[in-house]
Amino acid sequence: MNYYYDLILNWSEDTAFYFYEWNDTDSLELIKKIPIFKVKHKTFLDLIQNKVKIDEDTMLLIKDKTILGTQSLVTKIEYASLFTDGKNVIAIEFNKEGESAFYSNLLIDDELNVLEICYNLKEYTCFYEILAKKDNNHLLRQEKEAKDLITLEIKNLYQTKNYLKLKYLYYEYQKEQLDDVSLIYKHFLEDLKGPLTQNILKLYYIIKLSYHNV
């Protein structure tokens, strides 16, 4: 069994956030020790793109092998491991049934160190069952948060008939006066389906500031 020592993980369901998307409010965990498996590229893709259930042999290998960096007592994650295909690395935590439940990317230094350590490792054959395709939304975390906030605000203003603020936001967004609130609402929702533009990002900050100033 091979291990990596002293790294920080940021567990989340479904989506492993890139290190540059980590927030100050995230509950980061210091890991003192965690198993590593080098697997085939196809296996790696299956692990990150799907909800999977790993075999009992792998479960037994990793059981209680991940140790948290607490000062007062030894705390363990029952089933967790790093997986790499030699080019990428992912941390996955499994539930008691062997189903993938939480994911984390690594900080860049840790990822480079793991890849260097695993260069000469023998590939491990991990048997698993694909349970379901994950909703792999490739939007950056901040982009998703910005679009979600704007969508919520626009829908709320429209439903509560706060047309004055809706028109104000549209003017700030497009620098265009438009009185038809139904058309404003439609334009907003259509644009939010597209890429994150500077105008949409500006709208996000305007909405956030409008609540900070209340």
N, C-alpha and C. Protein backbone atom coordinates (compact mmCIF):
# COMPACT_ATOMS: atom_id res chain seq x y z
N MET A 1 0.85 -1.20 0.00
CA MET A 1 0.00 0.00 0.00
C MET A 1 0.88 1.25 0.00
N ASN A 2 0.57 2.19 -0.86
CA ASN A 2 1.31 3.45 -0.95
C ASN A 2 0.47 4.59 -0.36
N TYR A 3 1.17 5.56 0.23
CA TYR A 3 0.48 6.64 0.92
C TYR A 3 1.08 7.99 0.52
N TYR A 4 0.25 9.03 0.70
CA TYR A 4 0.74 10.39 0.62
C TYR A 4 0.46 11.05 1.97
N TYR A 5 1.37 11.96 2.38
CA TYR A 5 1.28 12.53 3.72
C TYR A 5 1.15 14.06 3.67
N ASP A 6 0.40 14.57 4.63
CA ASP A 6 0.29 16.00 4.87
C ASP A 6 -0.21 16.78 3.65
N LEU A 7 -1.50 16.76 3.46
CA LEU A 7 -2.12 17.54 2.40
C LEU A 7 -3.45 18.10 2.90
N ILE A 8 -3.99 19.07 2.16
CA ILE A 8 -5.26 19.69 2.51
C ILE A 8 -6.29 19.31 1.46
N LEU A 9 -7.47 18.89 1.92
CA LEU A 9 -8.56 18.52 1.01
C LEU A 9 -9.78 19.38 1.30
N ASN A 10 -10.59 19.55 0.28
CA ASN A 10 -11.81 20.36 0.37
C ASN A 10 -12.96 19.53 -0.20
N TRP A 11 -13.54 18.67 0.64
CA TRP A 11 -14.55 17.72 0.19
C TRP A 11 -15.83 18.42 -0.23
N SER A 12 -16.43 17.93 -1.31
CA SER A 12 -17.75 18.39 -1.72
C SER A 12 -18.44 17.27 -2.49
N GLU A 13 -19.77 17.32 -2.50
CA GLU A 13 -20.52 16.31 -3.23
C GLU A 13 -20.49 16.63 -4.72
N ASP A 14 -20.37 15.58 -5.52
CA ASP A 14 -20.47 15.65 -6.99
C ASP A 14 -19.32 16.39 -7.66
N THR A 15 -19.03 17.63 -7.23
CA THR A 15 -18.05 18.45 -7.93
C THR A 15 -16.81 18.67 -7.07
N ALA A 16 -15.65 18.33 -7.61
CA ALA A 16 -14.39 18.63 -6.93
C ALA A 16 -13.92 19.99 -7.43
N PHE A 17 -13.95 20.99 -6.55
CA PHE A 17 -13.58 22.34 -6.96
C PHE A 17 -12.07 22.45 -7.16
N TYR A 18 -11.67 23.19 -8.20
CA TYR A 18 -10.25 23.45 -8.40
C TYR A 18 -9.73 24.30 -7.24
N PHE A 19 -8.44 24.17 -6.96
CA PHE A 19 -7.88 24.84 -5.78
C PHE A 19 -8.10 26.35 -5.82
N TYR A 20 -8.12 26.95 -7.02
CA TYR A 20 -8.30 28.40 -7.12
C TYR A 20 -9.75 28.82 -6.94
N GLU A 21 -10.65 27.83 -6.77
CA GLU A 21 -12.06 28.13 -6.50
C GLU A 21 -12.40 27.97 -5.02
N TRP A 22 -11.43 27.53 -4.21
CA TRP A 22 -11.72 27.31 -2.80
C TRP A 22 -12.02 28.64 -2.12
N ASN A 23 -13.02 28.62 -1.24
CA ASN A 23 -13.44 29.81 -0.53
C ASN A 23 -12.94 29.78 0.91
N ASP A 24 -12.87 30.96 1.51
CA ASP A 24 -12.45 31.06 2.92
C ASP A 24 -13.43 30.36 3.84
N THR A 25 -14.67 30.24 3.40
CA THR A 25 -15.70 29.64 4.25
C THR A 25 -15.76 28.11 4.10
N ASP A 26 -14.99 27.54 3.19
CA ASP A 26 -14.99 26.09 3.02
C ASP A 26 -14.39 25.40 4.24
N SER A 27 -14.87 24.21 4.53
CA SER A 27 -14.34 23.44 5.65
C SER A 27 -13.20 22.55 5.13
N LEU A 28 -12.01 23.09 5.17
CA LEU A 28 -10.85 22.34 4.69
C LEU A 28 -10.38 21.35 5.75
N GLU A 29 -9.87 20.22 5.29
CA GLU A 29 -9.38 19.19 6.21
C GLU A 29 -7.90 18.94 5.96
N LEU A 30 -7.13 18.94 7.05
CA LEU A 30 -5.72 18.56 6.98
C LEU A 30 -5.62 17.05 7.10
N ILE A 31 -5.09 16.43 6.08
CA ILE A 31 -4.95 14.98 6.05
C ILE A 31 -3.49 14.63 6.32
N LYS A 32 -3.26 13.82 7.34
CA LYS A 32 -1.90 13.42 7.68
C LYS A 32 -1.42 12.24 6.84
N LYS A 33 -2.36 11.40 6.42
CA LYS A 33 -1.97 10.19 5.68
C LYS A 33 -3.18 9.68 4.90
N ILE A 34 -2.95 9.32 3.61
CA ILE A 34 -4.04 8.82 2.78
C ILE A 34 -3.48 7.86 1.73
N PRO A 35 -4.16 6.76 1.44
CA PRO A 35 -3.68 5.81 0.42
C PRO A 35 -3.70 6.41 -0.98
N ILE A 36 -2.84 5.89 -1.85
CA ILE A 36 -2.80 6.29 -3.25
C ILE A 36 -2.90 5.05 -4.13
N PHE A 37 -3.73 5.15 -5.17
CA PHE A 37 -3.79 4.10 -6.19
C PHE A 37 -3.54 4.72 -7.55
N LYS A 38 -2.64 4.11 -8.31
CA LYS A 38 -2.46 4.49 -9.70
C LYS A 38 -3.31 3.57 -10.55
N VAL A 39 -4.18 4.15 -11.36
CA VAL A 39 -5.14 3.36 -12.14
C VAL A 39 -5.04 3.74 -13.62
N LYS A 40 -5.66 2.94 -14.45
CA LYS A 40 -5.70 3.24 -15.88
C LYS A 40 -6.48 4.53 -16.12
N HIS A 41 -6.19 5.19 -17.23
CA HIS A 41 -6.85 6.45 -17.55
C HIS A 41 -8.37 6.29 -17.65
N LYS A 42 -8.82 5.20 -18.26
CA LYS A 42 -10.27 4.96 -18.38
C LYS A 42 -10.90 4.82 -16.99
N THR A 43 -10.22 4.11 -16.11
CA THR A 43 -10.73 3.96 -14.74
C THR A 43 -10.83 5.32 -14.06
N PHE A 44 -9.79 6.13 -14.24
CA PHE A 44 -9.79 7.46 -13.64
C PHE A 44 -10.97 8.28 -14.14
N LEU A 45 -11.20 8.25 -15.45
CA LEU A 45 -12.33 9.00 -16.02
C LEU A 45 -13.66 8.49 -15.47
N ASP A 46 -13.80 7.18 -15.36
CA ASP A 46 -15.03 6.62 -14.80
C ASP A 46 -15.25 7.09 -13.37
N LEU A 47 -14.17 7.17 -12.60
CA LEU A 47 -14.28 7.56 -11.19
C LEU A 47 -14.70 9.01 -11.02
N ILE A 48 -14.23 9.88 -11.93
CA ILE A 48 -14.56 11.30 -11.76
C ILE A 48 -15.84 11.70 -12.49
N GLN A 49 -16.26 10.91 -13.46
CA GLN A 49 -17.44 11.27 -14.25
C GLN A 49 -18.71 10.57 -13.80
N ASN A 50 -18.59 9.60 -12.92
CA ASN A 50 -19.75 8.79 -12.52
C ASN A 50 -19.79 8.56 -11.02
N LYS A 51 -20.98 8.29 -10.52
CA LYS A 51 -21.13 7.72 -9.19
C LYS A 51 -20.81 6.24 -9.33
N VAL A 52 -19.87 5.75 -8.52
CA VAL A 52 -19.46 4.35 -8.66
C VAL A 52 -19.54 3.64 -7.31
N LYS A 53 -19.52 2.32 -7.38
CA LYS A 53 -19.42 1.49 -6.20
C LYS A 53 -18.21 0.59 -6.37
N ILE A 54 -17.23 0.74 -5.48
CA ILE A 54 -16.00 -0.02 -5.61
C ILE A 54 -16.14 -1.40 -4.96
N ASP A 55 -15.24 -2.30 -5.32
CA ASP A 55 -15.32 -3.69 -4.86
C ASP A 55 -14.87 -3.82 -3.40
N GLU A 56 -15.22 -4.93 -2.78
CA GLU A 56 -14.93 -5.15 -1.37
C GLU A 56 -13.43 -5.22 -1.09
N ASP A 57 -12.65 -5.75 -2.03
CA ASP A 57 -11.20 -5.83 -1.82
C ASP A 57 -10.59 -4.44 -1.65
N THR A 58 -11.01 -3.51 -2.50
CA THR A 58 -10.51 -2.13 -2.39
C THR A 58 -11.00 -1.49 -1.10
N MET A 59 -12.24 -1.78 -0.73
CA MET A 59 -12.79 -1.26 0.53
C MET A 59 -11.94 -1.70 1.72
N LEU A 60 -11.58 -2.97 1.72
CA LEU A 60 -10.77 -3.52 2.83
C LEU A 60 -9.38 -2.88 2.84
N LEU A 61 -8.82 -2.64 1.67
CA LEU A 61 -7.49 -2.05 1.59
C LEU A 61 -7.44 -0.65 2.18
N ILE A 62 -8.48 0.13 1.96
CA ILE A 62 -8.45 1.54 2.38
C ILE A 62 -9.12 1.79 3.72
N LYS A 63 -9.78 0.80 4.27
CA LYS A 63 -10.55 0.98 5.52
C LYS A 63 -9.67 1.54 6.63
N ASP A 64 -10.08 2.69 7.16
CA ASP A 64 -9.42 3.37 8.29
C ASP A 64 -7.97 3.74 8.02
N LYS A 65 -7.60 3.87 6.76
CA LYS A 65 -6.20 4.20 6.43
C LYS A 65 -5.98 5.71 6.27
N THR A 66 -7.06 6.48 6.15
CA THR A 66 -6.92 7.93 6.00
C THR A 66 -7.02 8.59 7.38
N ILE A 67 -5.97 9.29 7.76
CA ILE A 67 -5.88 9.88 9.10
C ILE A 67 -5.90 11.40 9.01
N LEU A 68 -6.78 12.01 9.80
CA LEU A 68 -6.90 13.47 9.83
C LEU A 68 -5.84 14.08 10.74
N GLY A 69 -5.50 15.33 10.47
CA GLY A 69 -4.46 16.01 11.23
C GLY A 69 -4.99 16.75 12.43
N THR A 70 -5.63 16.05 13.35
CA THR A 70 -6.09 16.67 14.60
C THR A 70 -4.98 16.60 15.64
N GLN A 71 -4.99 17.56 16.55
CA GLN A 71 -3.91 17.64 17.53
C GLN A 71 -4.15 16.75 18.75
N SER A 72 -5.39 16.60 19.16
CA SER A 72 -5.67 15.95 20.44
C SER A 72 -5.86 14.44 20.32
N LEU A 73 -6.39 13.95 19.21
CA LEU A 73 -6.66 12.53 19.08
C LEU A 73 -6.57 12.12 17.62
N VAL A 74 -6.44 10.83 17.40
CA VAL A 74 -6.36 10.30 16.05
C VAL A 74 -7.78 10.13 15.51
N THR A 75 -8.07 10.82 14.42
CA THR A 75 -9.37 10.72 13.77
C THR A 75 -9.17 10.18 12.37
N LYS A 76 -10.03 9.27 11.97
CA LYS A 76 -9.88 8.62 10.67
C LYS A 76 -11.11 8.83 9.80
N ILE A 77 -10.87 8.85 8.50
CA ILE A 77 -11.96 8.73 7.53
C ILE A 77 -12.02 7.27 7.15
N GLU A 78 -13.19 6.67 7.28
CA GLU A 78 -13.27 5.21 7.16
C GLU A 78 -12.87 4.71 5.78
N TYR A 79 -13.38 5.37 4.73
CA TYR A 79 -13.06 4.92 3.37
C TYR A 79 -12.72 6.12 2.48
N ALA A 80 -11.45 6.29 2.19
CA ALA A 80 -11.03 7.38 1.31
C ALA A 80 -9.69 7.03 0.69
N SER A 81 -9.42 7.62 -0.47
CA SER A 81 -8.16 7.36 -1.15
C SER A 81 -7.91 8.41 -2.23
N LEU A 82 -6.66 8.54 -2.62
CA LEU A 82 -6.29 9.29 -3.80
C LEU A 82 -6.23 8.33 -4.99
N PHE A 83 -6.68 8.80 -6.14
CA PHE A 83 -6.56 8.03 -7.37
C PHE A 83 -5.85 8.90 -8.41
N THR A 84 -4.94 8.31 -9.16
CA THR A 84 -4.23 9.03 -10.20
C THR A 84 -4.05 8.15 -11.42
N ASP A 85 -4.06 8.79 -12.59
CA ASP A 85 -3.74 8.07 -13.82
C ASP A 85 -2.35 8.44 -14.31
N GLY A 86 -1.58 9.09 -13.44
CA GLY A 86 -0.24 9.52 -13.79
C GLY A 86 -0.18 10.94 -14.30
N LYS A 87 -1.34 11.51 -14.63
CA LYS A 87 -1.40 12.89 -15.12
C LYS A 87 -2.34 13.76 -14.30
N ASN A 88 -3.29 13.12 -13.64
CA ASN A 88 -4.30 13.83 -12.84
C ASN A 88 -4.46 13.10 -11.51
N VAL A 89 -5.00 13.84 -10.53
CA VAL A 89 -5.21 13.25 -9.20
C VAL A 89 -6.58 13.68 -8.67
N ILE A 90 -7.27 12.77 -8.00
CA ILE A 90 -8.54 13.09 -7.34
C ILE A 90 -8.59 12.35 -6.02
N ALA A 91 -9.17 12.99 -5.00
CA ALA A 91 -9.44 12.32 -3.72
C ALA A 91 -10.92 11.98 -3.69
N ILE A 92 -11.23 10.75 -3.30
CA ILE A 92 -12.62 10.31 -3.22
C ILE A 92 -12.87 9.66 -1.87
N GLU A 93 -13.98 10.07 -1.26
CA GLU A 93 -14.44 9.42 -0.03
C GLU A 93 -15.67 8.58 -0.36
N PHE A 94 -15.70 7.37 0.17
CA PHE A 94 -16.79 6.43 -0.10
C PHE A 94 -17.61 6.20 1.17
N ASN A 95 -18.89 5.86 0.98
CA ASN A 95 -19.71 5.51 2.14
C ASN A 95 -19.50 4.04 2.50
N LYS A 96 -20.24 3.56 3.48
CA LYS A 96 -20.05 2.20 3.97
C LYS A 96 -20.42 1.14 2.94
N GLU A 97 -21.21 1.53 1.94
CA GLU A 97 -21.59 0.59 0.88
C GLU A 97 -20.58 0.60 -0.27
N GLY A 98 -19.55 1.43 -0.15
CA GLY A 98 -18.54 1.51 -1.19
C GLY A 98 -18.90 2.46 -2.31
N GLU A 99 -19.92 3.29 -2.12
CA GLU A 99 -20.35 4.23 -3.15
C GLU A 99 -19.62 5.56 -2.99
N SER A 100 -19.15 6.11 -4.09
CA SER A 100 -18.45 7.40 -4.04
C SER A 100 -19.41 8.48 -3.56
N ALA A 101 -18.96 9.26 -2.59
CA ALA A 101 -19.85 10.24 -1.95
C ALA A 101 -19.30 11.66 -1.98
N PHE A 102 -18.00 11.82 -1.76
CA PHE A 102 -17.39 13.15 -1.71
C PHE A 102 -16.10 13.16 -2.52
N TYR A 103 -15.80 14.34 -3.06
CA TYR A 103 -14.64 14.48 -3.94
C TYR A 103 -13.83 15.71 -3.55
N SER A 104 -12.54 15.66 -3.84
CA SER A 104 -11.71 16.85 -3.65
C SER A 104 -10.54 16.83 -4.63
N ASN A 105 -10.28 17.99 -5.21
CA ASN A 105 -9.02 18.19 -5.90
C ASN A 105 -7.95 18.53 -4.88
N LEU A 106 -6.73 18.64 -5.33
CA LEU A 106 -5.60 18.93 -4.46
C LEU A 106 -5.03 20.31 -4.75
N LEU A 107 -4.32 20.86 -3.78
CA LEU A 107 -3.53 22.05 -4.06
C LEU A 107 -2.46 21.69 -5.07
N ILE A 108 -2.02 22.66 -5.85
CA ILE A 108 -1.14 22.38 -6.98
C ILE A 108 0.16 21.70 -6.54
N ASP A 109 0.75 22.12 -5.42
CA ASP A 109 2.00 21.50 -4.95
C ASP A 109 1.78 20.05 -4.58
N ASP A 110 0.67 19.77 -3.90
CA ASP A 110 0.37 18.39 -3.52
C ASP A 110 0.15 17.53 -4.75
N GLU A 111 -0.58 18.07 -5.73
CA GLU A 111 -0.84 17.29 -6.94
C GLU A 111 0.46 16.95 -7.67
N LEU A 112 1.36 17.92 -7.79
CA LEU A 112 2.63 17.67 -8.46
C LEU A 112 3.47 16.64 -7.70
N ASN A 113 3.44 16.72 -6.38
CA ASN A 113 4.18 15.75 -5.56
C ASN A 113 3.63 14.34 -5.72
N VAL A 114 2.29 14.23 -5.73
CA VAL A 114 1.66 12.92 -5.90
C VAL A 114 2.04 12.33 -7.26
N LEU A 115 1.99 13.14 -8.30
CA LEU A 115 2.32 12.67 -9.65
C LEU A 115 3.78 12.21 -9.72
N GLU A 116 4.65 12.91 -9.02
CA GLU A 116 6.06 12.50 -9.01
C GLU A 116 6.25 11.18 -8.26
N ILE A 117 5.56 11.06 -7.13
CA ILE A 117 5.66 9.83 -6.33
C ILE A 117 5.12 8.63 -7.11
N CYS A 118 4.04 8.86 -7.85
CA CYS A 118 3.34 7.75 -8.51
C CYS A 118 3.91 7.38 -9.88
N TYR A 119 4.94 8.08 -10.30
CA TYR A 119 5.47 7.86 -11.65
C TYR A 119 5.84 6.40 -11.90
N ASN A 120 6.49 5.77 -10.92
CA ASN A 120 6.95 4.39 -11.08
C ASN A 120 6.06 3.36 -10.40
N LEU A 121 4.90 3.80 -9.92
CA LEU A 121 4.01 2.85 -9.25
C LEU A 121 3.36 1.90 -10.25
N LYS A 122 3.13 0.70 -9.80
CA LYS A 122 2.41 -0.28 -10.62
C LYS A 122 0.92 0.06 -10.61
N GLU A 123 0.26 -0.08 -11.75
CA GLU A 123 -1.17 0.21 -11.83
C GLU A 123 -1.96 -0.79 -11.00
N TYR A 124 -2.95 -0.25 -10.30
CA TYR A 124 -3.84 -1.07 -9.49
C TYR A 124 -5.14 -1.29 -10.26
N THR A 125 -5.60 -2.53 -10.28
CA THR A 125 -6.87 -2.83 -10.94
C THR A 125 -7.99 -2.70 -9.92
N CYS A 126 -8.73 -1.62 -10.06
CA CYS A 126 -9.85 -1.37 -9.16
C CYS A 126 -11.14 -1.80 -9.86
N PHE A 127 -11.83 -2.75 -9.27
CA PHE A 127 -13.10 -3.19 -9.83
C PHE A 127 -14.22 -2.34 -9.25
N TYR A 128 -15.12 -1.92 -10.11
CA TYR A 128 -16.18 -1.00 -9.67
C TYR A 128 -17.38 -1.15 -10.58
N GLU A 129 -18.50 -0.68 -10.04
CA GLU A 129 -19.76 -0.66 -10.79
C GLU A 129 -20.19 0.79 -10.98
N ILE A 130 -20.51 1.16 -12.20
CA ILE A 130 -21.01 2.52 -12.45
C ILE A 130 -22.49 2.57 -12.08
N LEU A 131 -22.83 3.45 -11.14
CA LEU A 131 -24.21 3.56 -10.66
C LEU A 131 -25.01 4.60 -11.43
N ALA A 132 -24.38 5.72 -11.72
CA ALA A 132 -25.09 6.81 -12.42
C ALA A 132 -24.09 7.81 -12.93
N LYS A 133 -24.45 8.47 -14.01
CA LYS A 133 -23.62 9.53 -14.57
C LYS A 133 -23.74 10.77 -13.69
N LYS A 134 -22.61 11.36 -13.33
CA LYS A 134 -22.64 12.59 -12.55
C LYS A 134 -23.02 13.76 -13.43
N ASP A 135 -23.60 14.79 -12.81
CA ASP A 135 -23.91 16.03 -13.51
C ASP A 135 -22.64 16.86 -13.52
N ASN A 136 -21.80 16.61 -14.50
CA ASN A 136 -20.50 17.28 -14.55
C ASN A 136 -20.64 18.65 -15.20
N ASN A 137 -21.03 19.61 -14.39
CA ASN A 137 -21.15 20.98 -14.87
C ASN A 137 -19.77 21.63 -14.83
N HIS A 138 -19.26 22.04 -15.97
CA HIS A 138 -17.90 22.55 -16.04
C HIS A 138 -17.81 24.05 -15.77
N LEU A 139 -18.92 24.64 -15.33
CA LEU A 139 -18.86 26.04 -14.94
C LEU A 139 -17.94 26.19 -13.73
N LEU A 140 -17.14 27.23 -13.72
CA LEU A 140 -16.37 27.51 -12.53
C LEU A 140 -17.32 27.82 -11.38
N ARG A 141 -16.84 27.57 -10.18
CA ARG A 141 -17.69 27.74 -9.00
C ARG A 141 -18.24 29.16 -8.90
N GLN A 142 -17.35 30.16 -9.08
CA GLN A 142 -17.79 31.55 -8.97
C GLN A 142 -18.79 31.90 -10.07
N GLU A 143 -18.59 31.32 -11.25
CA GLU A 143 -19.52 31.59 -12.36
C GLU A 143 -20.90 31.04 -12.04
N LYS A 144 -20.94 29.85 -11.50
CA LYS A 144 -22.23 29.25 -11.13
C LYS A 144 -22.91 30.06 -10.04
N GLU A 145 -22.14 30.45 -9.02
CA GLU A 145 -22.70 31.24 -7.93
C GLU A 145 -23.25 32.58 -8.44
N ALA A 146 -22.52 33.22 -9.35
CA ALA A 146 -22.96 34.50 -9.89
C ALA A 146 -24.26 34.35 -10.68
N LYS A 147 -24.31 33.34 -11.54
CA LYS A 147 -25.51 33.13 -12.35
C LYS A 147 -26.70 32.73 -11.48
N ASP A 148 -26.45 31.90 -10.47
CA ASP A 148 -27.55 31.47 -9.58
C ASP A 148 -28.13 32.67 -8.83
N LEU A 149 -27.26 33.55 -8.34
CA LEU A 149 -27.72 34.72 -7.59
C LEU A 149 -28.53 35.66 -8.48
N ILE A 150 -28.02 35.94 -9.69
CA ILE A 150 -28.73 36.83 -10.60
C ILE A 150 -30.09 36.25 -10.98
N THR A 151 -30.11 34.96 -11.30
CA THR A 151 -31.37 34.30 -11.68
C THR A 151 -32.39 34.38 -10.56
N LEU A 152 -31.94 34.12 -9.34
CA LEU A 152 -32.84 34.19 -8.18
C LEU A 152 -33.39 35.59 -8.01
N GLU A 153 -32.52 36.59 -8.14
CA GLU A 153 -32.94 37.99 -7.97
C GLU A 153 -33.93 38.40 -9.06
N ILE A 154 -33.64 38.07 -10.30
CA ILE A 154 -34.50 38.45 -11.42
C ILE A 154 -35.88 37.81 -11.28
N LYS A 155 -35.91 36.53 -10.96
CA LYS A 155 -37.19 35.84 -10.81
C LYS A 155 -37.98 36.40 -9.64
N ASN A 156 -37.29 36.71 -8.55
CA ASN A 156 -37.96 37.26 -7.38
C ASN A 156 -38.55 38.64 -7.67
N LEU A 157 -37.78 39.49 -8.34
CA LEU A 157 -38.28 40.84 -8.68
C LEU A 157 -39.48 40.77 -9.61
N TYR A 158 -39.43 39.85 -10.55
CA TYR A 158 -40.52 39.72 -11.52
C TYR A 158 -41.79 39.19 -10.85
N GLN A 159 -41.61 38.18 -9.97
CA GLN A 159 -42.77 37.57 -9.31
C GLN A 159 -43.40 38.49 -8.27
N THR A 160 -42.57 39.32 -7.63
CA THR A 160 -43.10 40.25 -6.63
C THR A 160 -43.48 41.60 -7.24
N LYS A 161 -43.35 41.70 -8.56
CA LYS A 161 -43.70 42.91 -9.31
C LYS A 161 -42.90 44.14 -8.88
N ASN A 162 -41.64 43.89 -8.52
CA ASN A 162 -40.75 45.01 -8.22
C ASN A 162 -40.11 45.47 -9.54
N TYR A 163 -40.94 46.06 -10.38
CA TYR A 163 -40.53 46.38 -11.74
C TYR A 163 -39.52 47.52 -11.79
N LEU A 164 -39.56 48.40 -10.80
CA LEU A 164 -38.64 49.53 -10.79
C LEU A 164 -37.19 49.05 -10.69
N LYS A 165 -36.95 48.14 -9.76
CA LYS A 165 -35.59 47.61 -9.61
C LYS A 165 -35.20 46.76 -10.80
N LEU A 166 -36.16 46.03 -11.34
CA LEU A 166 -35.90 45.18 -12.51
C LEU A 166 -35.45 46.04 -13.70
N LYS A 167 -36.14 47.18 -13.91
CA LYS A 167 -35.77 48.09 -14.99
C LYS A 167 -34.41 48.73 -14.73
N TYR A 168 -34.17 49.04 -13.45
CA TYR A 168 -32.88 49.64 -13.09
C TYR A 168 -31.74 48.68 -13.40
N LEU A 169 -31.89 47.41 -13.01
CA LEU A 169 -30.85 46.42 -13.26
C LEU A 169 -30.63 46.22 -14.76
N TYR A 170 -31.71 46.25 -15.50
CA TYR A 170 -31.58 46.07 -16.95
C TYR A 170 -30.83 47.24 -17.58
N TYR A 171 -31.12 48.45 -17.09
CA TYR A 171 -30.42 49.62 -17.61
C TYR A 171 -28.92 49.54 -17.30
N GLU A 172 -28.59 49.14 -16.07
CA GLU A 172 -27.19 49.01 -15.68
C GLU A 172 -26.50 47.91 -16.49
N TYR A 173 -27.28 46.90 -16.84
CA TYR A 173 -26.75 45.76 -17.58
C TYR A 173 -26.54 46.08 -19.06
N GLN A 174 -27.54 46.70 -19.69
CA GLN A 174 -27.48 46.92 -21.14
C GLN A 174 -27.31 48.39 -21.53
N LYS A 175 -27.39 49.29 -20.52
CA LYS A 175 -27.37 50.73 -20.81
C LYS A 175 -28.46 51.09 -21.83
N GLU A 176 -29.61 50.48 -21.62
CA GLU A 176 -30.75 50.67 -22.52
C GLU A 176 -32.03 50.76 -21.70
N GLN A 177 -32.83 51.75 -21.99
CA GLN A 177 -34.11 51.93 -21.30
C GLN A 177 -35.16 51.04 -21.97
N LEU A 178 -35.78 50.17 -21.17
CA LEU A 178 -36.81 49.29 -21.71
C LEU A 178 -37.95 49.20 -20.70
N ASP A 179 -39.17 49.47 -21.16
CA ASP A 179 -40.32 49.50 -20.26
C ASP A 179 -41.08 48.18 -20.19
N ASP A 180 -40.90 47.34 -21.16
CA ASP A 180 -41.61 46.06 -21.21
C ASP A 180 -40.93 45.07 -20.26
N VAL A 181 -41.48 44.90 -19.05
CA VAL A 181 -40.84 44.05 -18.04
C VAL A 181 -40.82 42.58 -18.46
N SER A 182 -41.80 42.14 -19.21
CA SER A 182 -41.80 40.76 -19.70
C SER A 182 -40.62 40.51 -20.63
N LEU A 183 -40.34 41.50 -21.46
CA LEU A 183 -39.21 41.40 -22.37
C LEU A 183 -37.88 41.47 -21.61
N ILE A 184 -37.83 42.33 -20.60
CA ILE A 184 -36.64 42.42 -19.74
C ILE A 184 -36.37 41.06 -19.09
N TYR A 185 -37.41 40.49 -18.52
CA TYR A 185 -37.31 39.20 -17.84
C TYR A 185 -36.81 38.12 -18.82
N LYS A 186 -37.37 38.11 -20.01
CA LYS A 186 -37.00 37.12 -21.02
C LYS A 186 -35.54 37.29 -21.43
N HIS A 187 -35.11 38.54 -21.66
CA HIS A 187 -33.73 38.81 -22.06
C HIS A 187 -32.73 38.35 -21.00
N PHE A 188 -33.05 38.65 -19.74
CA PHE A 188 -32.17 38.25 -18.64
C PHE A 188 -31.98 36.72 -18.62
N LEU A 189 -33.07 35.99 -18.64
CA LEU A 189 -33.00 34.54 -18.53
C LEU A 189 -32.29 33.91 -19.73
N GLU A 190 -32.49 34.48 -20.90
CA GLU A 190 -31.81 33.97 -22.09
C GLU A 190 -30.30 34.22 -22.01
N ASP A 191 -29.92 35.43 -21.58
CA ASP A 191 -28.50 35.77 -21.50
C ASP A 191 -27.78 34.93 -20.44
N LEU A 192 -28.48 34.60 -19.38
CA LEU A 192 -27.86 33.83 -18.29
C LEU A 192 -27.58 32.38 -18.69
N LYS A 193 -28.16 31.94 -19.79
CA LYS A 193 -27.86 30.59 -20.30
C LYS A 193 -26.54 30.56 -21.06
N GLY A 194 -26.05 31.74 -21.43
CA GLY A 194 -24.81 31.83 -22.21
C GLY A 194 -23.60 31.97 -21.31
N PRO A 195 -22.46 32.33 -21.89
CA PRO A 195 -21.22 32.47 -21.12
C PRO A 195 -21.28 33.66 -20.17
N LEU A 196 -20.42 33.62 -19.17
CA LEU A 196 -20.34 34.72 -18.21
C LEU A 196 -19.59 35.89 -18.83
N THR A 197 -20.30 36.98 -19.10
CA THR A 197 -19.69 38.17 -19.69
C THR A 197 -19.36 39.19 -18.61
N GLN A 198 -18.61 40.21 -18.98
CA GLN A 198 -18.29 41.27 -18.04
C GLN A 198 -19.55 41.99 -17.57
N ASN A 199 -20.54 42.14 -18.46
CA ASN A 199 -21.78 42.81 -18.09
C ASN A 199 -22.57 41.99 -17.05
N ILE A 200 -22.58 40.66 -17.24
CA ILE A 200 -23.27 39.80 -16.26
C ILE A 200 -22.54 39.84 -14.93
N LEU A 201 -21.20 39.83 -14.98
CA LEU A 201 -20.42 39.89 -13.75
C LEU A 201 -20.64 41.21 -13.03
N LYS A 202 -20.74 42.30 -13.80
CA LYS A 202 -21.03 43.61 -13.21
C LYS A 202 -22.40 43.60 -12.52
N LEU A 203 -23.37 42.97 -13.17
CA LEU A 203 -24.72 42.86 -12.61
C LEU A 203 -24.70 42.10 -11.29
N TYR A 204 -23.89 41.07 -11.22
CA TYR A 204 -23.74 40.27 -10.00
C TYR A 204 -23.28 41.14 -8.83
N TYR A 205 -22.27 41.98 -9.07
CA TYR A 205 -21.74 42.83 -8.01
C TYR A 205 -22.74 43.93 -7.63
N ILE A 206 -23.48 44.44 -8.60
CA ILE A 206 -24.51 45.45 -8.30
C ILE A 206 -25.58 44.87 -7.37
N ILE A 207 -26.02 43.63 -7.67
CA ILE A 207 -27.04 42.98 -6.84
C ILE A 207 -26.51 42.73 -5.43
N LYS A 208 -25.27 42.26 -5.32
CA LYS A 208 -24.69 42.02 -4.00
C LYS A 208 -24.58 43.31 -3.20
N LEU A 209 -24.15 44.38 -3.86
CA LEU A 209 -24.00 45.67 -3.17
C LEU A 209 -25.35 46.23 -2.74
N SER A 210 -26.40 45.96 -3.53
CA SER A 210 -27.73 46.48 -3.21
C SER A 210 -28.23 45.91 -1.89
N TYR A 211 -27.78 44.72 -1.52
CA TYR A 211 -28.21 44.12 -0.25
C TYR A 211 -27.26 44.51 0.88
N HIS A 212 -26.02 44.78 0.56
CA HIS A 212 -25.09 45.23 1.60
C HIS A 212 -25.45 46.60 2.10
N ASN A 213 -26.08 47.39 1.21
CA ASN A 213 -26.42 48.78 1.56
C ASN A 213 -27.80 48.93 2.20
N VAL A 214 -28.51 47.80 2.35
CA VAL A 214 -29.86 47.87 2.94
C VAL A 214 -29.74 48.18 4.44
